[in-house]
Amino acid sequence: MSHANAGIAAGPAAVGLYDHERGNVVRLAVAQALAGANSTVVYATGAILGEMLAPSKALATLPISIFVVGMAACTLPAGRIAQRHGRRAAFLAGTVCGVLVGLLAALAVVLGSFWLFCLATFFGGAYAAVVLSFRFAAADCARPERRPRALSAVMAGGVAAGVIGPQLVTYTMNLWPPHMFAATFLAQAAVAVLSAFILLGVRLPAPTSAAGKADGRPLGVIARQPRFIIAVVCGVVSYLLMNFLMTAAPLAMHLCGLPQEMSNLGLQWHVIAMYAPSFFTGRLITRFGAPRVVAVGLVLTAASAAVGLTGVDVAHFWGTLVLLGLGWNFGFVGASAMVLDCHAPEEKARVQSLNDFVVFGTMAVGSFLSGSLLTSYGWNTVLWLSFAPLVLAVVAVAAAVRTGPSPRRIAG
């Protein structure tokens, strides 16, 4: 089916769906704000608790690495649930994981069990993988010309997550002495439940019919599209470097003798920087094209590493984290918008989950390396190594810009 014909065929059914566009986007943005606090809590506490509980200091960042493994491992199953039973079923399954991470992590802290804490962060990663699919759910609800804006509007909900998560840590970490952070994870579980109630009101399209799925191209054919490959490379590098540096930063601040409150605030501003540009990133993509927006993100990421190399005071860490967050937003949202150009309606769940699986799977490798590099060679080595993937992404973006404007978006 051609792009134009797909749009015509989808027209009458789509009118009712678009009637709920604004309400769906608002609810998804609020849910993003609440559920996004899960990731922030794990990143703020994971390496610190890892150092406290791990049998070896070299394993300090393993819980965060396991978190990323959970994201990668659960992306494709979440996509299958969404395709067969609808996105809302996937959202609620994710919420169950969100409650589990809070309860298991609190129990791990009380028992002093490092491996139970790692299991908890795996469920946290599963929850995060589902939360990141909110952006594509918003695109499903929006008219084709408004999809980049809907996607970025939901991502903007992360601004609130950037405040909720760190403040949750700051105000609850010492509520249950001597079990530092135990109350924090119980509070995180309660926030996950609240997010579930918000998601119950989202009205999303029914799963694609079996006939529709039969019309979709094989996944291998889609994955070989040059534009899809470029989108995946840009998404991988943007998220890989954000996770690579953010995983190490709280522990690096701790090892430099900086207070935990300063680390929490630095992470807060980092997460705000990750999501605040989403209020206008969609408009920038519509006006200038996704590849150029991604290019700006790569420049900001390079600048974040450069700032980190100039010193180890609070200001240097905060500058690195803020620029890193800005770079991630332009790079990842731009790459996500490029993915929307690569599939037809009946292919979207498979293609989007494949994209996220590759992104998160690569992140897991970077996360494992980050902790060992930091403890063995220091913060500066972590920063210097971050420049290598940037070269690959710059080449990919240059190729995307040379191909000219994005093809017309596939309806649906």
Protein backbone atom coordinates (compact mmCIF):
# COMPACT_ATOMS: atom_id res chain seq x y z
CA MET A 1 0.00 0.00 0.00
CA SER A 2 1.38 3.42 -0.92
CA HIS A 3 1.81 6.14 1.63
CA ALA A 4 -0.97 8.18 0.09
CA ASN A 5 -3.39 5.26 -0.08
CA ALA A 6 -2.61 4.34 3.50
CA GLY A 7 -3.54 7.85 4.55
CA ILE A 8 -6.85 7.72 2.62
CA ALA A 9 -7.74 4.32 4.02
CA ALA A 10 -7.03 5.45 7.55
CA GLY A 11 -8.95 8.72 7.19
CA PRO A 12 -12.49 7.96 8.43
CA ALA A 13 -11.38 5.79 11.34
CA ALA A 14 -8.71 8.27 12.29
CA VAL A 15 -11.12 11.16 12.81
CA GLY A 16 -12.50 9.68 16.04
CA LEU A 17 -9.03 8.89 17.28
CA TYR A 18 -7.80 12.44 16.74
CA ASP A 19 -10.75 13.77 18.76
CA HIS A 20 -8.90 12.49 21.85
CA GLU A 21 -5.47 13.71 20.79
CA ARG A 22 -5.13 16.53 23.30
CA GLY A 23 -6.44 14.55 26.27
CA ASN A 24 -4.24 11.57 25.46
CA VAL A 25 -1.12 13.68 25.10
CA VAL A 26 -1.81 15.48 28.40
CA ARG A 27 -2.36 12.21 30.26
CA LEU A 28 0.73 10.63 28.74
CA ALA A 29 2.79 13.70 29.66
CA VAL A 30 1.57 13.54 33.28
CA ALA A 31 2.28 9.81 33.41
CA GLN A 32 5.74 10.49 31.98
CA ALA A 33 6.33 12.98 34.80
CA LEU A 34 5.37 10.47 37.47
CA ALA A 35 6.77 7.26 35.98
CA GLY A 36 9.93 9.00 34.84
CA ALA A 37 10.86 9.51 38.47
CA ASN A 38 11.64 5.77 38.57
CA SER A 39 14.73 6.18 36.40
CA THR A 40 15.89 9.26 38.27
CA VAL A 41 15.66 7.51 41.64
CA VAL A 42 17.65 4.52 40.35
CA TYR A 43 20.37 6.70 38.83
CA ALA A 44 20.61 8.89 41.92
CA THR A 45 20.95 5.95 44.32
CA GLY A 46 22.14 2.98 42.28
CA ALA A 47 25.89 3.55 42.30
CA ILE A 48 25.89 4.79 45.90
CA LEU A 49 23.99 1.75 47.16
CA GLY A 50 26.09 -0.42 44.87
CA GLU A 51 29.25 0.78 46.58
CA MET A 52 27.66 0.19 50.00
CA LEU A 53 26.31 -3.29 49.28
CA ALA A 54 28.56 -4.81 46.61
CA PRO A 55 31.14 -7.45 47.55
CA SER A 56 33.66 -5.53 45.39
CA LYS A 57 33.96 -1.81 44.66
CA ALA A 58 34.37 -2.65 40.96
CA LEU A 59 30.70 -3.76 41.01
CA ALA A 60 29.44 -0.42 42.33
CA THR A 61 27.66 0.57 39.11
CA LEU A 62 26.42 -2.96 38.31
CA PRO A 63 22.87 -2.19 39.57
CA ILE A 64 22.57 0.62 37.02
CA SER A 65 23.97 -1.66 34.33
CA ILE A 66 21.35 -4.26 35.27
CA PHE A 67 18.75 -1.49 35.02
CA VAL A 68 19.81 -0.90 31.41
CA VAL A 69 19.79 -4.65 30.71
CA GLY A 70 16.19 -4.68 31.96
CA MET A 71 15.34 -1.92 29.50
CA ALA A 72 16.86 -3.86 26.61
CA ALA A 73 15.46 -7.27 27.60
CA CYS A 74 11.90 -6.04 28.07
CA THR A 75 11.56 -3.72 25.07
CA LEU A 76 10.61 -6.41 22.55
CA PRO A 77 8.20 -8.24 24.92
CA ALA A 78 6.52 -4.92 25.71
CA GLY A 79 6.17 -4.31 21.97
CA ARG A 80 4.52 -7.71 21.51
CA ILE A 81 2.07 -7.01 24.34
CA ALA A 82 1.22 -3.66 22.75
CA GLN A 83 0.72 -5.24 19.33
CA ARG A 84 -1.50 -8.07 20.57
CA HIS A 85 -3.39 -6.48 23.44
CA GLY A 86 -2.96 -2.72 22.98
CA ARG A 87 -0.56 -0.18 24.41
CA ARG A 88 -2.55 0.31 27.59
CA ALA A 89 -2.01 -3.36 28.51
CA ALA A 90 1.73 -2.83 28.04
CA PHE A 91 1.56 0.31 30.19
CA LEU A 92 -0.12 -1.52 33.06
CA ALA A 93 2.34 -4.42 32.84
CA GLY A 94 5.10 -1.84 33.12
CA THR A 95 3.45 -0.35 36.19
CA VAL A 96 3.56 -3.74 37.92
CA CYS A 97 7.33 -3.71 37.31
CA GLY A 98 7.46 -0.17 38.68
CA VAL A 99 5.88 -1.27 41.94
CA LEU A 100 8.16 -4.31 42.15
CA VAL A 101 11.34 -2.24 41.81
CA GLY A 102 10.30 -0.09 44.76
CA LEU A 103 9.32 -2.96 47.04
CA LEU A 104 12.27 -5.19 46.18
CA ALA A 105 14.82 -2.38 46.42
CA ALA A 106 13.53 -1.34 49.84
CA LEU A 107 13.74 -4.95 51.01
CA ALA A 108 17.27 -5.25 49.58
CA VAL A 109 18.41 -2.20 51.53
CA VAL A 110 16.91 -3.53 54.77
CA LEU A 111 18.50 -6.95 54.26
CA GLY A 112 21.78 -5.56 52.91
CA SER A 113 21.44 -7.76 49.80
CA PHE A 114 23.37 -6.52 46.77
CA TRP A 115 21.97 -9.16 44.40
CA LEU A 116 18.38 -8.53 45.43
CA PHE A 117 18.98 -4.85 44.73
CA CYS A 118 20.26 -5.80 41.26
CA LEU A 119 17.08 -7.81 40.65
CA ALA A 120 15.05 -4.78 41.71
CA THR A 121 16.85 -2.53 39.24
CA PHE A 122 16.15 -5.06 36.46
CA PHE A 123 12.43 -4.52 37.05
CA GLY A 124 13.16 -0.79 37.13
CA GLY A 125 14.65 -1.09 33.65
CA ALA A 126 11.59 -2.99 32.43
CA TYR A 127 9.41 -0.17 33.74
CA ALA A 128 11.61 2.46 32.08
CA ALA A 129 11.37 0.66 28.73
CA VAL A 130 7.57 0.85 28.87
CA VAL A 131 7.65 4.50 29.97
CA LEU A 132 9.78 5.44 26.98
CA SER A 133 7.11 3.99 24.68
CA PHE A 134 4.76 6.77 25.85
CA ARG A 135 6.34 9.01 23.20
CA PHE A 136 5.35 6.67 20.38
CA ALA A 137 1.87 6.22 21.88
CA ALA A 138 1.41 10.00 21.66
CA ALA A 139 2.45 9.90 18.00
CA ASP A 140 -0.19 7.20 17.38
CA CYS A 141 -2.88 9.59 18.65
CA ALA A 142 -1.82 12.63 16.63
CA ARG A 143 -2.44 13.73 13.08
CA PRO A 144 0.59 13.04 10.85
CA GLU A 145 1.70 16.68 10.70
CA ARG A 146 1.53 16.98 14.51
CA ARG A 147 3.38 13.80 15.44
CA PRO A 148 6.78 15.36 16.21
CA ARG A 149 5.05 17.88 18.49
CA ALA A 150 2.99 15.21 20.25
CA LEU A 151 6.10 13.08 20.75
CA SER A 152 8.10 15.98 22.17
CA ALA A 153 5.17 17.18 24.32
CA VAL A 154 5.10 13.85 26.15
CA MET A 155 8.86 13.94 26.55
CA ALA A 156 8.40 17.38 28.14
CA GLY A 157 6.63 15.62 31.01
CA GLY A 158 10.09 14.51 32.02
CA VAL A 159 10.78 18.02 33.29
CA ALA A 160 8.53 17.29 36.26
CA ALA A 161 10.18 13.87 36.61
CA GLY A 162 13.49 15.71 36.90
CA VAL A 163 12.16 17.49 39.96
CA ILE A 164 10.08 14.68 41.48
CA GLY A 165 12.82 12.04 41.38
CA PRO A 166 15.71 13.91 43.03
CA GLN A 167 13.46 15.62 45.57
CA LEU A 168 11.96 12.24 46.41
CA VAL A 169 15.48 11.04 47.16
CA THR A 170 16.46 14.15 49.14
CA TYR A 171 13.39 14.19 51.40
CA THR A 172 13.06 10.44 52.01
CA MET A 173 16.60 9.01 51.97
CA ASN A 174 17.01 9.30 55.76
CA LEU A 175 13.43 8.66 56.87
CA TRP A 176 14.15 5.05 57.85
CA PRO A 177 17.43 5.01 59.78
CA PRO A 178 19.73 3.24 59.52
CA HIS A 179 18.40 1.98 56.15
CA MET A 180 19.38 4.82 53.82
CA PHE A 181 17.15 5.07 50.71
CA ALA A 182 14.70 2.34 51.88
CA ALA A 183 11.86 4.86 52.31
CA THR A 184 12.79 6.41 48.95
CA PHE A 185 11.98 3.22 47.09
CA LEU A 186 8.70 2.74 48.94
CA ALA A 187 7.73 6.26 47.87
CA GLN A 188 8.76 5.44 44.29
CA ALA A 189 6.43 2.41 44.30
CA ALA A 190 3.55 4.64 45.43
CA VAL A 191 4.27 7.09 42.60
CA ALA A 192 4.16 4.19 40.11
CA VAL A 193 0.66 3.29 41.34
CA LEU A 194 -0.47 6.89 40.89
CA SER A 195 0.86 6.86 37.33
CA ALA A 196 -1.21 3.76 36.59
CA PHE A 197 -4.42 5.58 37.48
CA ILE A 198 -3.51 8.36 35.05
CA LEU A 199 -2.85 5.86 32.26
CA LEU A 200 -6.25 4.21 32.71
CA GLY A 201 -7.83 7.29 31.12
CA VAL A 202 -5.74 7.18 27.93
CA ARG A 203 -7.82 6.25 24.86
CA LEU A 204 -5.56 4.55 22.33
CA PRO A 205 -6.21 2.77 19.03
CA ALA A 206 -6.98 -0.95 19.16
CA PRO A 207 -4.21 -3.38 18.20
CA THR A 208 -3.67 -3.76 14.47
CA SER A 209 -5.72 -6.57 12.98
CA ALA A 210 -4.18 -9.79 11.77
CA ALA A 211 -4.89 -8.74 8.19
CA GLY A 212 -3.12 -5.48 8.75
CA LYS A 213 -0.08 -7.24 10.18
CA ALA A 214 0.06 -9.49 7.11
CA ASP A 215 0.46 -6.41 4.89
CA GLY A 216 3.52 -5.23 6.81
CA ARG A 217 6.99 -5.67 5.38
CA PRO A 218 9.42 -8.14 6.95
CA LEU A 219 11.35 -6.54 9.79
CA GLY A 220 14.65 -7.26 8.04
CA VAL A 221 13.57 -5.22 5.02
CA ILE A 222 12.60 -2.28 7.20
CA ALA A 223 15.81 -2.49 9.23
CA ARG A 224 17.93 -2.28 6.08
CA GLN A 225 16.51 1.11 5.11
CA PRO A 226 19.35 3.67 5.16
CA ARG A 227 17.18 6.16 7.03
CA PHE A 228 16.30 3.60 9.70
CA ILE A 229 19.96 2.68 10.14
CA ILE A 230 20.90 6.36 10.51
CA ALA A 231 18.07 6.92 13.02
CA VAL A 232 19.19 3.94 15.10
CA VAL A 233 22.85 5.04 15.06
CA CYS A 234 21.90 8.54 16.21
CA GLY A 235 19.57 7.19 18.91
CA VAL A 236 22.19 4.72 20.11
CA VAL A 237 24.98 7.29 20.41
CA SER A 238 22.75 9.92 22.04
CA TYR A 239 21.42 7.55 24.68
CA LEU A 240 24.66 5.59 25.08
CA LEU A 241 26.71 8.66 25.94
CA MET A 242 24.03 10.12 28.20
CA ASN A 243 23.88 6.87 30.15
CA PHE A 244 27.65 6.34 30.03
CA LEU A 245 28.36 9.69 31.70
CA MET A 246 25.29 9.89 33.94
CA THR A 247 25.98 6.44 35.40
CA ALA A 248 29.48 7.49 36.46
CA ALA A 249 28.78 11.10 37.51
CA PRO A 250 27.05 10.53 40.91
CA LEU A 251 29.72 8.06 42.01
CA ALA A 252 32.48 10.34 40.69
CA MET A 253 31.05 13.20 42.78
CA HIS A 254 30.90 10.90 45.79
CA LEU A 255 34.52 9.81 45.29
CA CYS A 256 35.54 13.48 45.02
CA GLY A 257 34.04 14.09 48.46
CA LEU A 258 31.06 16.15 47.28
CA PRO A 259 27.84 15.92 49.36
CA GLN A 260 24.98 13.61 48.31
CA GLU A 261 22.63 16.62 48.22
CA MET A 262 24.86 18.23 45.56
CA SER A 263 24.75 15.04 43.54
CA ASN A 264 20.93 14.93 43.83
CA LEU A 265 20.63 18.53 42.67
CA GLY A 266 23.03 17.95 39.81
CA LEU A 267 20.97 14.99 38.68
CA GLN A 268 17.80 17.05 39.04
CA TRP A 269 19.08 19.75 36.70
CA HIS A 270 20.38 17.08 34.35
CA VAL A 271 16.95 15.47 34.03
CA ILE A 272 15.26 18.86 33.66
CA ALA A 273 17.73 19.65 30.87
CA MET A 274 16.90 16.30 29.28
CA TYR A 275 13.22 17.12 28.96
CA ALA A 276 12.75 20.91 29.07
CA PRO A 277 13.68 21.44 25.38
CA SER A 278 10.84 19.07 24.45
CA PHE A 279 8.47 22.05 24.71
CA PHE A 280 9.91 23.22 21.40
CA THR A 281 11.99 20.33 19.98
CA GLY A 282 9.02 19.15 17.89
CA ARG A 283 8.70 22.57 16.24
CA LEU A 284 12.42 22.64 15.53
CA ILE A 285 12.20 19.21 13.90
CA THR A 286 9.25 20.32 11.77
CA ARG A 287 11.06 23.46 10.66
CA PHE A 288 14.66 22.32 10.23
CA GLY A 289 14.41 18.55 9.94
CA ALA A 290 15.36 15.82 12.40
CA PRO A 291 18.98 15.32 11.20
CA ARG A 292 19.93 18.94 11.90
CA VAL A 293 18.35 18.80 15.35
CA VAL A 294 20.32 15.61 16.06
CA ALA A 295 23.51 17.39 14.96
CA VAL A 296 22.93 20.12 17.55
CA GLY A 297 22.49 17.43 20.18
CA LEU A 298 25.83 15.85 19.30
CA VAL A 299 27.60 19.20 19.60
CA LEU A 300 26.07 19.76 23.06
CA THR A 301 27.12 16.28 24.16
CA ALA A 302 30.69 16.95 23.07
CA ALA A 303 30.59 20.24 24.98
CA SER A 304 29.44 18.43 28.13
CA ALA A 305 32.47 16.14 28.08
CA ALA A 306 34.76 19.10 27.43
CA VAL A 307 33.38 20.95 30.47
CA GLY A 308 33.90 17.89 32.65
CA LEU A 309 37.56 17.75 31.65
CA THR A 310 38.17 21.24 33.03
CA GLY A 311 37.74 20.32 36.73
CA VAL A 312 36.00 18.32 39.44
CA ASP A 313 34.19 21.02 41.43
CA VAL A 314 30.41 21.03 41.80
CA ALA A 315 30.10 23.58 38.99
CA HIS A 316 32.02 21.36 36.58
CA PHE A 317 29.87 18.31 37.33
CA TRP A 318 26.67 20.32 37.08
CA GLY A 319 27.77 21.93 33.81
CA THR A 320 28.58 18.51 32.39
CA LEU A 321 25.23 17.07 33.47
CA VAL A 322 23.15 19.99 32.17
CA LEU A 323 24.83 20.04 28.75
CA LEU A 324 24.58 16.26 28.61
CA GLY A 325 20.84 16.44 29.24
CA LEU A 326 20.34 19.05 26.52
CA GLY A 327 22.39 17.02 24.06
CA TRP A 328 20.39 13.89 24.82
CA ASN A 329 17.09 15.66 24.17
CA PHE A 330 18.01 17.00 20.74
CA GLY A 331 19.75 13.78 19.76
CA PHE A 332 17.22 11.25 21.03
CA VAL A 333 13.99 13.10 20.18
CA GLY A 334 15.38 13.88 16.73
CA ALA A 335 16.33 10.24 16.18
CA SER A 336 12.89 9.09 17.41
CA ALA A 337 11.23 11.41 14.88
CA MET A 338 13.37 9.85 12.14
CA VAL A 339 12.07 6.41 13.13
CA LEU A 340 8.49 7.62 12.51
CA ASP A 341 9.42 8.08 8.85
CA CYS A 342 10.44 4.45 8.44
CA HIS A 343 7.29 2.40 8.98
CA ALA A 344 3.66 1.98 7.93
CA PRO A 345 0.84 1.83 10.52
CA GLU A 346 0.76 -1.96 10.75
CA GLU A 347 4.55 -2.05 11.25
CA LYS A 348 4.89 0.54 13.99
CA ALA A 349 4.95 -1.68 17.12
CA ARG A 350 7.62 -4.00 15.69
CA VAL A 351 9.79 -1.22 14.26
CA GLN A 352 9.63 1.02 17.33
CA SER A 353 10.39 -1.84 19.71
CA LEU A 354 13.30 -2.96 17.50
CA ASN A 355 14.70 0.58 17.58
CA ASP A 356 14.47 0.75 21.38
CA PHE A 357 15.90 -2.76 21.76
CA VAL A 358 19.03 -1.82 19.79
CA VAL A 359 19.37 1.50 21.64
CA PHE A 360 19.01 0.00 25.12
CA GLY A 361 21.07 -3.08 24.30
CA THR A 362 23.99 -0.90 23.29
CA MET A 363 23.47 1.25 26.37
CA ALA A 364 23.93 -1.83 28.55
CA VAL A 365 27.43 -2.32 27.18
CA GLY A 366 28.33 1.31 27.90
CA SER A 367 26.86 1.12 31.38
CA PHE A 368 28.92 -1.96 32.28
CA LEU A 369 32.08 -0.24 31.04
CA SER A 370 31.36 3.05 32.78
CA GLY A 371 31.69 1.79 36.35
CA SER A 372 34.82 -0.26 35.81
CA LEU A 373 36.50 2.54 33.86
CA LEU A 374 35.67 5.07 36.57
CA THR A 375 36.96 2.96 39.46
CA SER A 376 40.07 1.80 37.54
CA TYR A 377 41.11 4.83 35.51
CA GLY A 378 39.16 7.84 36.79
CA TRP A 379 36.55 10.34 35.65
CA ASN A 380 38.73 11.95 32.96
CA THR A 381 39.14 8.64 31.13
CA VAL A 382 35.37 8.19 31.04
CA LEU A 383 35.03 11.68 29.53
CA TRP A 384 37.75 11.22 26.91
CA LEU A 385 36.30 7.91 25.70
CA SER A 386 32.90 9.52 25.13
CA PHE A 387 34.26 11.35 22.07
CA ALA A 388 34.76 8.12 20.07
CA PRO A 389 31.07 7.28 19.45
CA LEU A 390 30.41 10.91 18.56
CA VAL A 391 32.50 10.53 15.42
CA LEU A 392 30.27 7.68 14.20
CA ALA A 393 27.12 9.68 14.88
CA VAL A 394 28.47 12.77 13.07
CA VAL A 395 29.11 10.64 9.97
CA ALA A 396 25.57 9.25 10.15
CA VAL A 397 24.01 12.70 10.53
CA ALA A 398 26.05 14.03 7.61
CA ALA A 399 24.69 11.18 5.48
CA ALA A 400 21.13 11.99 6.56
CA VAL A 401 21.52 15.69 5.74
CA ARG A 402 22.93 14.86 2.29
CA THR A 403 19.84 12.76 1.47
CA GLY A 404 17.75 15.92 1.70
CA PRO A 405 14.38 16.49 3.44
CA SER A 406 12.58 13.69 5.23
CA PRO A 407 10.26 11.59 3.10
CA ARG A 408 6.56 12.18 3.61
CA ARG A 409 5.47 10.60 6.87
CA ILE A 410 3.56 7.34 6.60
CA ALA A 411 0.02 7.83 7.84
CA GLY A 412 -1.35 5.94 10.79
